[in-house]
């Protein structure tokens, strides 16, 4: 699989700052899309690429923190905040919202490029995690309703006959379903299946422990 292309979004209402940042990023081999407002960025079609966002904290209309909150609802784009002056409360809110860095103008070019590199590296990790989760959920959806009911029971540690008692089926039927689950989930071991169930955050409908 080819690695996803990368893109840096720049959102700042100051034209000079936008142009300077865009020129610096392009000089360092980065593709850039710049916007003069948070609303302009949010309304623009989002490309299916690995991306990060350099976001001005203080802008007329929608400020950076509001943009960050809206972006986080439907995407996982790492954010680097820039601001004309230090603001401890805003810094705290930005970091709690998942910001990668918080830089003060005038920007140090080396510090900015390090922050961009870190943000894009994080974006690659987030994208891979999202792809893995989507693939795992697709495998889970391939299970029958009964198999979906049985999986969390087995993953919680119940023996086959205990799970059979919970579901009111025979131990042999559980064994058959268990084999189907392992195959459909592409699990090479039961330990792998347990980890998959954990990632899917499956909960058992019964925590009753039966006598062996």
N, C-alpha and C. Protein backbone atom coordinates (compact mmCIF):
# COMPACT_ATOMS: atom_id res chain seq x y z
N UNK A 1 0.85 -1.19 0.00
CA UNK A 1 0.00 0.00 0.00
C UNK A 1 0.88 1.25 0.00
N UNK A 2 0.55 2.22 -0.89
CA UNK A 2 1.31 3.45 -0.92
C UNK A 2 0.94 4.31 0.28
N UNK A 3 1.93 5.04 0.81
CA UNK A 3 1.66 5.90 1.93
C UNK A 3 0.78 7.06 1.46
N UNK A 4 -0.13 7.49 2.34
CA UNK A 4 -1.04 8.56 1.99
C UNK A 4 -0.27 9.86 1.84
N UNK A 5 -0.71 10.69 0.87
CA UNK A 5 -0.09 11.99 0.71
C UNK A 5 -0.42 12.86 1.91
N UNK A 6 0.35 13.94 2.06
CA UNK A 6 0.21 14.78 3.24
C UNK A 6 -0.17 16.20 2.84
N UNK A 7 -0.90 16.86 3.73
CA UNK A 7 -1.38 18.21 3.47
C UNK A 7 -1.37 19.00 4.78
N UNK A 8 -0.94 20.26 4.69
CA UNK A 8 -0.99 21.15 5.84
C UNK A 8 -2.01 22.24 5.57
N UNK A 9 -3.02 22.34 6.42
CA UNK A 9 -3.99 23.42 6.34
C UNK A 9 -3.49 24.58 7.21
N UNK A 10 -3.64 25.79 6.70
CA UNK A 10 -3.28 26.99 7.45
C UNK A 10 -4.52 27.88 7.54
N UNK A 11 -4.91 28.25 8.76
CA UNK A 11 -6.06 29.12 8.95
C UNK A 11 -5.63 30.33 9.78
N UNK A 12 -5.59 31.49 9.15
CA UNK A 12 -5.20 32.73 9.83
C UNK A 12 -5.83 33.89 9.08
N UNK A 13 -6.43 34.84 9.80
CA UNK A 13 -7.08 35.97 9.14
C UNK A 13 -6.08 37.02 8.64
N UNK A 14 -4.83 36.93 9.05
CA UNK A 14 -3.80 37.87 8.62
C UNK A 14 -3.16 37.37 7.31
N UNK A 15 -3.37 38.10 6.23
CA UNK A 15 -2.87 37.67 4.94
C UNK A 15 -1.35 37.48 4.93
N UNK A 16 -0.63 38.39 5.58
CA UNK A 16 0.83 38.30 5.59
C UNK A 16 1.30 37.03 6.29
N UNK A 17 0.64 36.69 7.38
CA UNK A 17 0.99 35.47 8.10
C UNK A 17 0.70 34.24 7.24
N UNK A 18 -0.47 34.22 6.60
CA UNK A 18 -0.84 33.08 5.74
C UNK A 18 0.18 32.89 4.64
N UNK A 19 0.55 33.98 4.00
CA UNK A 19 1.49 33.88 2.89
C UNK A 19 2.87 33.45 3.35
N UNK A 20 3.31 33.98 4.50
CA UNK A 20 4.63 33.62 5.02
C UNK A 20 4.67 32.15 5.42
N UNK A 21 3.62 31.69 6.10
CA UNK A 21 3.56 30.29 6.52
C UNK A 21 3.50 29.37 5.29
N UNK A 22 2.69 29.74 4.32
CA UNK A 22 2.55 28.92 3.12
C UNK A 22 3.88 28.81 2.39
N UNK A 23 4.59 29.95 2.29
CA UNK A 23 5.87 29.94 1.59
C UNK A 23 6.89 29.07 2.33
N UNK A 24 6.93 29.19 3.65
CA UNK A 24 7.86 28.39 4.45
C UNK A 24 7.57 26.90 4.31
N UNK A 25 6.30 26.53 4.41
CA UNK A 25 5.93 25.12 4.34
C UNK A 25 6.23 24.54 2.95
N UNK A 26 5.93 25.31 1.92
CA UNK A 26 6.21 24.82 0.56
C UNK A 26 7.71 24.70 0.31
N UNK A 27 8.47 25.62 0.90
CA UNK A 27 9.93 25.54 0.76
C UNK A 27 10.47 24.29 1.43
N UNK A 28 9.71 23.76 2.38
CA UNK A 28 10.11 22.53 3.07
C UNK A 28 9.38 21.31 2.51
N UNK A 29 8.85 21.45 1.31
CA UNK A 29 8.26 20.30 0.62
C UNK A 29 6.86 19.93 1.03
N UNK A 30 6.15 20.82 1.70
CA UNK A 30 4.79 20.52 2.16
C UNK A 30 3.74 21.12 1.23
N UNK A 31 2.69 20.35 0.97
CA UNK A 31 1.55 20.88 0.24
C UNK A 31 0.69 21.67 1.21
N UNK A 32 0.22 22.85 0.81
CA UNK A 32 -0.49 23.75 1.72
C UNK A 32 -1.81 24.20 1.11
N UNK A 33 -2.85 24.24 1.95
CA UNK A 33 -4.10 24.89 1.60
C UNK A 33 -4.37 25.92 2.70
N UNK A 34 -4.49 27.20 2.32
CA UNK A 34 -4.65 28.27 3.31
C UNK A 34 -6.04 28.88 3.25
N UNK A 35 -6.53 29.30 4.43
CA UNK A 35 -7.86 29.90 4.56
C UNK A 35 -7.77 31.13 5.45
N UNK A 36 -8.64 32.11 5.19
CA UNK A 36 -8.61 33.35 5.98
C UNK A 36 -9.59 33.34 7.14
N UNK A 37 -10.31 32.25 7.32
CA UNK A 37 -11.26 32.15 8.43
C UNK A 37 -11.54 30.70 8.77
N UNK A 38 -11.97 30.50 10.01
CA UNK A 38 -12.34 29.16 10.43
C UNK A 38 -13.53 28.63 9.65
N UNK A 39 -14.51 29.48 9.39
CA UNK A 39 -15.69 29.05 8.64
C UNK A 39 -15.31 28.65 7.23
N UNK A 40 -14.39 29.40 6.62
CA UNK A 40 -13.95 29.05 5.28
C UNK A 40 -13.31 27.68 5.24
N UNK A 41 -12.50 27.37 6.26
CA UNK A 41 -11.87 26.05 6.34
C UNK A 41 -12.90 24.96 6.55
N UNK A 42 -13.82 25.18 7.47
CA UNK A 42 -14.82 24.16 7.80
C UNK A 42 -15.75 23.88 6.62
N UNK A 43 -16.02 24.90 5.81
CA UNK A 43 -16.95 24.73 4.69
C UNK A 43 -16.29 24.13 3.46
N UNK A 44 -14.96 24.12 3.43
CA UNK A 44 -14.25 23.59 2.25
C UNK A 44 -14.30 22.07 2.24
N UNK A 45 -14.41 21.45 1.06
CA UNK A 45 -14.38 19.98 0.98
C UNK A 45 -13.07 19.45 1.56
N UNK A 46 -13.15 18.43 2.39
CA UNK A 46 -11.97 17.86 3.02
C UNK A 46 -11.39 16.75 2.14
N UNK A 47 -10.09 16.83 1.86
CA UNK A 47 -9.45 15.81 1.05
C UNK A 47 -9.12 14.58 1.90
N UNK A 48 -9.16 13.43 1.25
CA UNK A 48 -8.87 12.18 1.94
C UNK A 48 -7.37 11.94 1.98
N UNK A 49 -6.68 12.77 2.77
CA UNK A 49 -5.23 12.67 2.90
C UNK A 49 -4.85 12.81 4.37
N UNK A 50 -3.62 12.44 4.68
CA UNK A 50 -3.08 12.68 6.02
C UNK A 50 -2.82 14.18 6.14
N UNK A 51 -3.36 14.82 7.16
CA UNK A 51 -3.28 16.27 7.25
C UNK A 51 -3.12 16.75 8.69
N UNK A 52 -2.60 17.97 8.80
CA UNK A 52 -2.60 18.66 10.09
C UNK A 52 -3.07 20.09 9.85
N UNK A 53 -3.36 20.79 10.92
CA UNK A 53 -3.95 22.13 10.82
C UNK A 53 -3.16 23.12 11.67
N UNK A 54 -2.65 24.17 11.03
CA UNK A 54 -2.05 25.29 11.75
C UNK A 54 -3.14 26.34 11.91
N UNK A 55 -3.51 26.63 13.13
CA UNK A 55 -4.73 27.38 13.41
C UNK A 55 -4.45 28.58 14.31
N UNK A 56 -4.83 29.76 13.81
CA UNK A 56 -4.68 30.98 14.62
C UNK A 56 -5.70 30.95 15.75
N UNK A 57 -5.25 31.32 16.94
CA UNK A 57 -6.14 31.28 18.10
C UNK A 57 -7.19 32.38 18.05
N UNK A 58 -6.74 33.59 17.75
CA UNK A 58 -7.65 34.74 17.81
C UNK A 58 -7.97 35.22 16.41
N UNK A 59 -9.21 35.03 16.00
CA UNK A 59 -9.68 35.50 14.70
C UNK A 59 -11.06 36.10 14.87
N UNK A 60 -11.41 37.08 14.03
CA UNK A 60 -12.77 37.63 14.09
C UNK A 60 -13.78 36.55 13.72
N UNK A 61 -14.95 36.64 14.30
CA UNK A 61 -15.96 35.62 14.04
C UNK A 61 -15.69 34.38 14.87
N UNK A 62 -15.37 33.29 14.23
CA UNK A 62 -15.12 32.04 14.92
C UNK A 62 -13.65 31.96 15.32
N UNK A 63 -13.37 31.81 16.63
CA UNK A 63 -11.98 31.74 17.06
C UNK A 63 -11.42 30.32 16.92
N UNK A 64 -10.12 30.20 17.16
CA UNK A 64 -9.45 28.93 16.94
C UNK A 64 -9.99 27.79 17.78
N UNK A 65 -10.31 28.07 19.05
CA UNK A 65 -10.82 27.02 19.92
C UNK A 65 -12.17 26.49 19.43
N UNK A 66 -13.00 27.39 18.89
CA UNK A 66 -14.28 26.94 18.35
C UNK A 66 -14.07 26.08 17.11
N UNK A 67 -13.11 26.46 16.27
CA UNK A 67 -12.81 25.66 15.08
C UNK A 67 -12.30 24.28 15.49
N UNK A 68 -11.39 24.26 16.47
CA UNK A 68 -10.84 22.99 16.95
C UNK A 68 -11.96 22.07 17.43
N UNK A 69 -12.91 22.60 18.16
CA UNK A 69 -14.00 21.79 18.70
C UNK A 69 -14.84 21.20 17.58
N UNK A 70 -15.13 21.99 16.55
CA UNK A 70 -15.95 21.50 15.45
C UNK A 70 -15.19 20.49 14.60
N UNK A 71 -13.90 20.72 14.39
CA UNK A 71 -13.09 19.78 13.60
C UNK A 71 -13.04 18.42 14.28
N UNK A 72 -12.90 18.42 15.61
CA UNK A 72 -12.73 17.17 16.34
C UNK A 72 -13.97 16.29 16.32
N UNK A 73 -15.12 16.87 15.96
CA UNK A 73 -16.36 16.10 15.95
C UNK A 73 -16.41 15.07 14.84
N UNK A 74 -15.81 15.39 13.69
CA UNK A 74 -15.95 14.49 12.55
C UNK A 74 -14.63 14.12 11.89
N UNK A 75 -13.52 14.51 12.49
CA UNK A 75 -12.24 14.14 11.91
C UNK A 75 -11.16 14.13 12.98
N UNK A 76 -10.01 13.59 12.64
CA UNK A 76 -8.89 13.51 13.58
C UNK A 76 -7.67 14.21 12.97
N UNK A 77 -7.80 15.52 12.79
CA UNK A 77 -6.71 16.31 12.23
C UNK A 77 -5.94 16.97 13.38
N UNK A 78 -4.68 16.59 13.60
CA UNK A 78 -3.90 17.21 14.67
C UNK A 78 -3.78 18.72 14.44
N UNK A 79 -3.89 19.48 15.52
CA UNK A 79 -3.91 20.94 15.44
C UNK A 79 -2.67 21.54 16.10
N UNK A 80 -2.07 22.52 15.41
CA UNK A 80 -1.00 23.35 15.97
C UNK A 80 -1.57 24.75 16.09
N UNK A 81 -1.66 25.26 17.30
CA UNK A 81 -2.18 26.61 17.50
C UNK A 81 -1.05 27.64 17.40
N UNK A 82 -1.37 28.79 16.81
CA UNK A 82 -0.44 29.92 16.82
C UNK A 82 -1.20 31.14 17.34
N UNK A 83 -0.51 32.00 18.08
CA UNK A 83 -1.16 33.17 18.66
C UNK A 83 -0.18 34.32 18.80
N UNK A 84 -0.73 35.53 18.80
CA UNK A 84 0.12 36.71 18.92
C UNK A 84 0.62 36.95 20.32
N UNK A 85 -0.02 36.37 21.29
CA UNK A 85 0.45 36.53 22.67
C UNK A 85 0.08 35.32 23.49
N UNK A 86 0.86 35.10 24.55
CA UNK A 86 0.60 33.95 25.40
C UNK A 86 -0.70 34.08 26.16
N UNK A 87 -1.40 33.01 26.33
CA UNK A 87 -2.69 32.99 27.01
C UNK A 87 -2.81 31.63 27.69
N UNK A 88 -2.49 31.59 28.97
CA UNK A 88 -2.44 30.31 29.67
C UNK A 88 -3.78 29.57 29.65
N UNK A 89 -4.91 30.23 29.98
CA UNK A 89 -6.19 29.49 29.94
C UNK A 89 -6.49 28.91 28.56
N UNK A 90 -6.23 29.69 27.51
CA UNK A 90 -6.49 29.19 26.16
C UNK A 90 -5.56 28.04 25.81
N UNK A 91 -4.30 28.15 26.26
CA UNK A 91 -3.34 27.06 26.01
C UNK A 91 -3.83 25.77 26.65
N UNK A 92 -4.32 25.87 27.87
CA UNK A 92 -4.83 24.69 28.58
C UNK A 92 -6.01 24.08 27.82
N UNK A 93 -6.94 24.93 27.38
CA UNK A 93 -8.10 24.43 26.65
C UNK A 93 -7.68 23.78 25.33
N UNK A 94 -6.72 24.40 24.67
CA UNK A 94 -6.25 23.86 23.39
C UNK A 94 -5.62 22.49 23.58
N UNK A 95 -4.79 22.36 24.60
CA UNK A 95 -4.12 21.08 24.85
C UNK A 95 -5.12 20.01 25.29
N UNK A 96 -6.10 20.40 26.10
CA UNK A 96 -7.13 19.45 26.50
C UNK A 96 -7.93 18.98 25.29
N UNK A 97 -8.03 19.85 24.30
CA UNK A 97 -8.75 19.50 23.08
C UNK A 97 -7.92 18.66 22.13
N UNK A 98 -6.66 18.38 22.50
CA UNK A 98 -5.82 17.50 21.70
C UNK A 98 -4.81 18.19 20.82
N UNK A 99 -4.57 19.50 21.04
CA UNK A 99 -3.60 20.22 20.22
C UNK A 99 -2.21 19.62 20.37
N UNK A 100 -1.48 19.58 19.27
CA UNK A 100 -0.11 19.04 19.28
C UNK A 100 0.85 20.05 19.88
N UNK A 101 0.65 21.33 19.58
CA UNK A 101 1.57 22.36 20.07
C UNK A 101 0.85 23.69 20.10
N UNK A 102 1.47 24.65 20.79
CA UNK A 102 0.91 26.00 20.94
C UNK A 102 2.09 26.95 20.81
N UNK A 103 2.18 27.64 19.67
CA UNK A 103 3.33 28.48 19.36
C UNK A 103 2.95 29.96 19.36
N UNK A 104 3.87 30.79 19.83
CA UNK A 104 3.63 32.23 19.92
C UNK A 104 4.33 32.96 18.78
N UNK A 105 3.61 33.90 18.17
CA UNK A 105 4.18 34.75 17.13
C UNK A 105 5.12 35.78 17.76
N UNK A 106 6.19 36.21 17.08
CA UNK A 106 6.67 35.71 15.78
C UNK A 106 7.17 34.27 15.90
N UNK A 107 6.83 33.46 14.93
CA UNK A 107 7.10 32.03 15.00
C UNK A 107 8.56 31.72 14.71
N UNK A 108 9.09 30.78 15.47
CA UNK A 108 10.41 30.24 15.20
C UNK A 108 10.24 29.17 14.11
N UNK A 109 10.89 29.35 12.99
CA UNK A 109 10.67 28.47 11.85
C UNK A 109 11.02 27.02 12.16
N UNK A 110 12.13 26.80 12.86
CA UNK A 110 12.52 25.43 13.19
C UNK A 110 11.50 24.78 14.12
N UNK A 111 11.03 25.55 15.11
CA UNK A 111 10.04 25.02 16.04
C UNK A 111 8.74 24.68 15.32
N UNK A 112 8.37 25.54 14.37
CA UNK A 112 7.14 25.28 13.61
C UNK A 112 7.26 24.01 12.78
N UNK A 113 8.39 23.85 12.08
CA UNK A 113 8.55 22.67 11.24
C UNK A 113 8.62 21.40 12.08
N UNK A 114 9.23 21.49 13.26
CA UNK A 114 9.22 20.31 14.16
C UNK A 114 7.80 19.97 14.58
N UNK A 115 7.01 21.00 14.87
CA UNK A 115 5.62 20.78 15.27
C UNK A 115 4.82 20.17 14.12
N UNK A 116 5.05 20.64 12.89
CA UNK A 116 4.36 20.09 11.72
C UNK A 116 4.74 18.63 11.51
N UNK A 117 6.04 18.33 11.62
CA UNK A 117 6.49 16.94 11.47
C UNK A 117 5.82 16.04 12.51
N UNK A 118 5.75 16.53 13.76
CA UNK A 118 5.13 15.74 14.83
C UNK A 118 3.64 15.57 14.58
N UNK A 119 2.98 16.63 14.11
CA UNK A 119 1.55 16.57 13.86
C UNK A 119 1.22 15.59 12.73
N UNK A 120 2.02 15.62 11.66
CA UNK A 120 1.76 14.70 10.54
C UNK A 120 2.07 13.25 10.93
N UNK A 121 3.11 13.06 11.76
CA UNK A 121 3.41 11.71 12.25
C UNK A 121 2.22 11.18 13.06
N UNK A 122 1.66 12.05 13.89
CA UNK A 122 0.49 11.66 14.68
C UNK A 122 -0.71 11.38 13.77
N UNK A 123 -0.85 12.18 12.73
CA UNK A 123 -1.96 11.98 11.79
C UNK A 123 -1.87 10.62 11.11
N UNK A 124 -0.64 10.20 10.77
CA UNK A 124 -0.46 8.87 10.17
C UNK A 124 -0.90 7.78 11.13
N UNK A 125 -0.53 7.92 12.41
CA UNK A 125 -0.92 6.93 13.42
C UNK A 125 -2.44 6.89 13.57
N UNK A 126 -3.07 8.06 13.65
CA UNK A 126 -4.52 8.13 13.79
C UNK A 126 -5.22 7.51 12.59
N UNK A 127 -4.69 7.75 11.40
CA UNK A 127 -5.29 7.19 10.19
C UNK A 127 -5.19 5.67 10.18
N UNK A 128 -4.02 5.16 10.56
CA UNK A 128 -3.82 3.71 10.62
C UNK A 128 -4.76 3.08 11.65
N UNK A 129 -4.90 3.71 12.80
CA UNK A 129 -5.80 3.19 13.83
C UNK A 129 -7.24 3.18 13.34
N UNK A 130 -7.63 4.24 12.63
CA UNK A 130 -9.00 4.32 12.11
C UNK A 130 -9.24 3.24 11.07
N UNK A 131 -8.25 3.00 10.20
CA UNK A 131 -8.39 1.96 9.19
C UNK A 131 -8.47 0.58 9.82
N UNK A 132 -7.63 0.34 10.85
CA UNK A 132 -7.65 -0.96 11.52
C UNK A 132 -8.99 -1.18 12.23
N UNK A 133 -9.51 -0.12 12.85
CA UNK A 133 -10.79 -0.24 13.55
C UNK A 133 -11.92 -0.52 12.57
N UNK A 134 -11.90 0.16 11.43
CA UNK A 134 -12.94 -0.06 10.42
C UNK A 134 -12.89 -1.49 9.88
N UNK A 135 -11.67 -2.00 9.66
CA UNK A 135 -11.52 -3.37 9.16
C UNK A 135 -12.02 -4.38 10.20
N UNK A 136 -11.72 -4.13 11.48
CA UNK A 136 -12.15 -5.02 12.55
C UNK A 136 -13.67 -5.01 12.69
N UNK A 137 -14.26 -3.84 12.58
CA UNK A 137 -15.71 -3.74 12.68
C UNK A 137 -16.39 -4.46 11.51
N UNK A 138 -15.75 -4.42 10.34
CA UNK A 138 -16.30 -5.13 9.18
C UNK A 138 -16.29 -6.64 9.42
N UNK A 139 -15.20 -7.14 10.02
CA UNK A 139 -15.13 -8.57 10.35
C UNK A 139 -16.23 -8.93 11.36
N UNK A 140 -16.41 -8.07 12.35
CA UNK A 140 -17.42 -8.33 13.38
C UNK A 140 -18.82 -8.38 12.76
N UNK A 141 -19.08 -7.47 11.82
CA UNK A 141 -20.41 -7.44 11.18
C UNK A 141 -20.65 -8.67 10.32
N UNK A 142 -19.58 -9.40 9.97
CA UNK A 142 -19.76 -10.62 9.18
C UNK A 142 -20.26 -11.79 10.03
N UNK A 143 -20.22 -11.64 11.36
CA UNK A 143 -20.72 -12.69 12.25
C UNK A 143 -22.24 -12.71 12.25
N UNK A 144 -22.80 -13.89 12.50
CA UNK A 144 -24.25 -13.99 12.67
C UNK A 144 -24.63 -13.38 14.02
N UNK A 145 -25.91 -13.05 14.21
CA UNK A 145 -26.33 -12.51 15.51
C UNK A 145 -25.95 -13.42 16.69
N UNK A 146 -26.08 -14.73 16.51
CA UNK A 146 -25.72 -15.65 17.58
C UNK A 146 -24.22 -15.60 17.86
N UNK A 147 -23.43 -15.54 16.80
CA UNK A 147 -21.98 -15.45 16.98
C UNK A 147 -21.59 -14.15 17.65
N UNK A 148 -22.27 -13.06 17.31
CA UNK A 148 -22.00 -11.78 17.97
C UNK A 148 -22.38 -11.84 19.45
N UNK A 149 -23.39 -12.63 19.76
CA UNK A 149 -23.81 -12.80 21.15
C UNK A 149 -22.82 -13.65 21.92
N UNK A 150 -22.22 -14.62 21.25
CA UNK A 150 -21.31 -15.55 21.90
C UNK A 150 -19.91 -14.97 22.10
N UNK A 151 -19.45 -14.16 21.17
CA UNK A 151 -18.08 -13.67 21.22
C UNK A 151 -17.71 -13.01 22.55
N UNK A 152 -18.48 -12.05 23.06
CA UNK A 152 -18.08 -11.43 24.34
C UNK A 152 -18.09 -12.40 25.51
N UNK A 153 -18.95 -13.42 25.44
CA UNK A 153 -18.97 -14.41 26.52
C UNK A 153 -17.67 -15.20 26.53
N UNK A 154 -17.22 -15.63 25.36
CA UNK A 154 -15.96 -16.37 25.27
C UNK A 154 -14.79 -15.48 25.64
N UNK A 155 -14.81 -14.24 25.16
CA UNK A 155 -13.70 -13.33 25.44
C UNK A 155 -13.62 -12.96 26.91
N UNK A 156 -14.74 -13.05 27.63
CA UNK A 156 -14.73 -12.73 29.06
C UNK A 156 -14.14 -13.86 29.90
N UNK A 157 -13.90 -15.02 29.26
CA UNK A 157 -13.26 -16.12 29.98
C UNK A 157 -14.15 -17.30 30.28
N UNK A 158 -15.40 -17.25 29.85
CA UNK A 158 -16.29 -18.38 30.10
C UNK A 158 -15.86 -19.60 29.30
N UNK A 159 -15.97 -20.76 29.90
CA UNK A 159 -15.73 -22.00 29.18
C UNK A 159 -16.88 -22.24 28.20
N UNK A 160 -16.65 -23.15 27.26
CA UNK A 160 -17.68 -23.44 26.27
C UNK A 160 -19.00 -23.84 26.92
N UNK A 161 -18.94 -24.72 27.92
CA UNK A 161 -20.19 -25.19 28.53
C UNK A 161 -20.85 -24.09 29.37
N UNK A 162 -20.04 -23.17 29.91
CA UNK A 162 -20.61 -22.05 30.65
C UNK A 162 -21.32 -21.10 29.70
N UNK A 163 -20.69 -20.80 28.57
CA UNK A 163 -21.33 -19.95 27.58
C UNK A 163 -22.59 -20.61 27.03
N UNK A 164 -22.54 -21.94 26.86
CA UNK A 164 -23.72 -22.67 26.38
C UNK A 164 -24.87 -22.53 27.35
N UNK A 165 -24.57 -22.60 28.65
CA UNK A 165 -25.61 -22.47 29.66
C UNK A 165 -26.23 -21.08 29.64
N UNK A 166 -25.39 -20.06 29.45
CA UNK A 166 -25.89 -18.68 29.41
C UNK A 166 -26.84 -18.49 28.24
N UNK A 167 -26.48 -19.06 27.09
CA UNK A 167 -27.27 -18.86 25.87
C UNK A 167 -28.37 -19.89 25.68
N UNK A 168 -28.34 -20.95 26.50
CA UNK A 168 -29.36 -21.99 26.38
C UNK A 168 -29.18 -22.85 25.15
N UNK A 169 -27.92 -23.11 24.80
CA UNK A 169 -27.62 -23.97 23.66
C UNK A 169 -26.66 -25.06 24.12
N UNK A 170 -26.35 -26.01 23.25
CA UNK A 170 -25.47 -27.10 23.64
C UNK A 170 -24.00 -26.69 23.54
N UNK A 171 -23.17 -27.40 24.28
CA UNK A 171 -21.73 -27.12 24.25
C UNK A 171 -21.18 -27.37 22.85
N UNK A 172 -21.70 -28.39 22.18
CA UNK A 172 -21.24 -28.67 20.82
C UNK A 172 -21.54 -27.50 19.88
N UNK A 173 -22.72 -26.91 20.04
CA UNK A 173 -23.09 -25.76 19.21
C UNK A 173 -22.14 -24.59 19.46
N UNK A 174 -21.76 -24.39 20.71
CA UNK A 174 -20.80 -23.34 21.04
C UNK A 174 -19.47 -23.62 20.35
N UNK A 175 -19.04 -24.88 20.38
CA UNK A 175 -17.78 -25.24 19.72
C UNK A 175 -17.82 -24.92 18.23
N UNK A 176 -18.94 -25.23 17.59
CA UNK A 176 -19.10 -24.96 16.16
C UNK A 176 -19.05 -23.44 15.91
N UNK A 177 -19.83 -22.70 16.71
CA UNK A 177 -19.85 -21.24 16.55
C UNK A 177 -18.46 -20.64 16.80
N UNK A 178 -17.77 -21.18 17.80
CA UNK A 178 -16.45 -20.67 18.14
C UNK A 178 -15.49 -20.81 16.94
N UNK A 179 -15.56 -21.95 16.26
CA UNK A 179 -14.72 -22.14 15.08
C UNK A 179 -15.05 -21.16 13.98
N UNK A 180 -16.36 -20.93 13.78
CA UNK A 180 -16.79 -19.96 12.77
C UNK A 180 -16.31 -18.54 13.13
N UNK A 181 -16.40 -18.20 14.41
CA UNK A 181 -15.98 -16.87 14.86
C UNK A 181 -14.49 -16.66 14.61
N UNK A 182 -13.69 -17.66 14.99
CA UNK A 182 -12.24 -17.56 14.80
C UNK A 182 -11.91 -17.34 13.31
N UNK A 183 -12.61 -18.07 12.45
CA UNK A 183 -12.33 -17.97 11.01
C UNK A 183 -12.77 -16.61 10.46
N UNK A 184 -13.99 -16.21 10.80
CA UNK A 184 -14.51 -14.95 10.26
C UNK A 184 -13.74 -13.73 10.79
N UNK A 185 -13.29 -13.80 12.04
CA UNK A 185 -12.54 -12.68 12.62
C UNK A 185 -11.07 -12.73 12.24
N UNK A 186 -10.67 -13.78 11.49
CA UNK A 186 -9.29 -13.95 11.04
C UNK A 186 -8.32 -13.93 12.22
N UNK A 187 -8.75 -14.56 13.31
CA UNK A 187 -7.93 -14.63 14.53
C UNK A 187 -7.05 -15.86 14.48
N UNK A 188 -5.73 -15.68 14.60
CA UNK A 188 -4.81 -16.81 14.53
C UNK A 188 -4.67 -17.52 15.87
N UNK A 189 -5.27 -16.96 16.92
CA UNK A 189 -5.24 -17.60 18.23
C UNK A 189 -6.40 -17.04 19.05
N UNK A 190 -6.71 -17.73 20.16
CA UNK A 190 -7.79 -17.23 21.01
C UNK A 190 -7.38 -15.93 21.68
N UNK A 191 -6.10 -15.78 21.98
CA UNK A 191 -5.61 -14.53 22.58
C UNK A 191 -5.86 -13.35 21.64
N UNK A 192 -5.66 -13.59 20.34
CA UNK A 192 -5.94 -12.55 19.35
C UNK A 192 -7.41 -12.19 19.35
N UNK A 193 -8.27 -13.21 19.46
CA UNK A 193 -9.71 -12.97 19.48
C UNK A 193 -10.10 -12.13 20.69
N UNK A 194 -9.49 -12.41 21.83
CA UNK A 194 -9.78 -11.64 23.05
C UNK A 194 -9.38 -10.18 22.85
N UNK A 195 -8.21 -9.96 22.24
CA UNK A 195 -7.76 -8.58 21.99
C UNK A 195 -8.71 -7.87 21.03
N UNK A 196 -9.20 -8.60 20.03
CA UNK A 196 -10.14 -8.01 19.08
C UNK A 196 -11.43 -7.60 19.79
N UNK A 197 -11.93 -8.47 20.66
CA UNK A 197 -13.15 -8.17 21.40
C UNK A 197 -12.95 -6.95 22.28
N UNK A 198 -11.76 -6.82 22.86
CA UNK A 198 -11.45 -5.67 23.70
C UNK A 198 -11.46 -4.38 22.88
N UNK A 199 -10.86 -4.43 21.68
CA UNK A 199 -10.84 -3.25 20.82
C UNK A 199 -12.24 -2.86 20.37
N UNK A 200 -13.10 -3.86 20.19
CA UNK A 200 -14.48 -3.60 19.80
C UNK A 200 -15.33 -3.15 20.99
N UNK A 201 -14.74 -3.22 22.17
CA UNK A 201 -15.41 -2.82 23.42
C UNK A 201 -16.74 -3.55 23.59
N UNK A 202 -16.68 -4.86 23.37
CA UNK A 202 -17.87 -5.69 23.54
C UNK A 202 -18.10 -5.96 25.01
N UNK A 203 -19.33 -5.91 25.42
CA UNK A 203 -19.70 -6.19 26.80
C UNK A 203 -20.59 -7.41 26.85
N UNK A 204 -20.40 -8.21 27.88
CA UNK A 204 -21.24 -9.39 28.03
C UNK A 204 -22.57 -9.00 28.65
N UNK A 205 -23.61 -9.69 28.24
CA UNK A 205 -24.94 -9.41 28.79
C UNK A 205 -25.13 -10.10 30.12
N UNK A 206 -24.20 -10.98 30.45
CA UNK A 206 -24.28 -11.70 31.73
C UNK A 206 -22.89 -11.87 32.28
N UNK A 207 -22.72 -11.57 33.55
CA UNK A 207 -21.41 -11.75 34.20
C UNK A 207 -21.45 -12.91 35.19
N UNK A 208 -22.53 -13.69 35.06
CA UNK A 208 -22.68 -14.81 35.98
C UNK A 208 -21.62 -15.87 35.73
N UNK A 209 -20.95 -16.29 36.76
CA UNK A 209 -19.97 -17.36 36.66
C UNK A 209 -20.61 -18.66 37.07
N UNK A 210 -20.59 -19.63 36.18
CA UNK A 210 -21.23 -20.90 36.44
C UNK A 210 -20.20 -21.90 36.92
N UNK A 211 -20.65 -22.87 37.66
CA UNK A 211 -19.75 -23.93 38.13
C UNK A 211 -19.28 -24.74 36.94
N UNK A 212 -17.99 -25.10 36.96
CA UNK A 212 -17.45 -25.92 35.87
C UNK A 212 -18.04 -27.30 35.94
